[in-house]
Amino acid sequence: MTDHLSILDVKSRAKLAETSPEEMEAIIAQLNDDDPRRARDAAWVMTHFTQQQIASLQPRQDEFIDKVLHTDNTALRRLLMNIIERQEFHEEDLRTDFLDFCLAHMASPDEPPGVQTLCMKLAYRQCQFFPELLREFRLALTLMPTGGYAVSITGLRRKLLKATSQLDKEAFEDLHLKE
């Protein structure tokens, strides 16, 4: 890849990777490049993969999560989280280190809004299988300060609070039934 990719270059490489396993592997290998720009460019190309290509990367989800957890490159982190967000999550594959990361970074003022919103979405997707984790997630949302966030964050927070509002009703009913 050159120093500066255009969107046309990105889309062209993503399209080529649809039919060329060698190109797909070259892009994935480039994620480990010592040059942060080249690694970021590879992730950018991958965000333009089709859903079928993203699904084919499912066995590499742990590898992508490890990169998110250990990179200092915010752009690479955001791009990888976009890829992970398009993948499936299963109950038996819960990564508590990644869930903890998402919960900690969804309200972090040190993260850009794109990373914060992806952390919120990914935390919700991981918690959805476990009522007790979903309650913790809802609590974390309610404890987030209500001001000072980008509109995307406050809107998503409101949407996720609404999606998890049934938990409050169930908890009240459980408590009431025990009396």
Foldseek 3Di string as FASTA:
>chain_A
DDQDDDVVNLLVLLVVVVPDVVSVVVLVVQCPDPPPSSVLSSLSSVLNHDLVSLAVCQVCLVVLLVCLVPDPDLSNNLSSLSSNLSYADDQVPQDVVSLVVLLVQLQDPVHAPSSNLSSLSVNCRNCVVPLVSLVVSLVSLVPRDQDDHDPSSNVSSVVSNVVSVVSVVVVVVVVVVVD
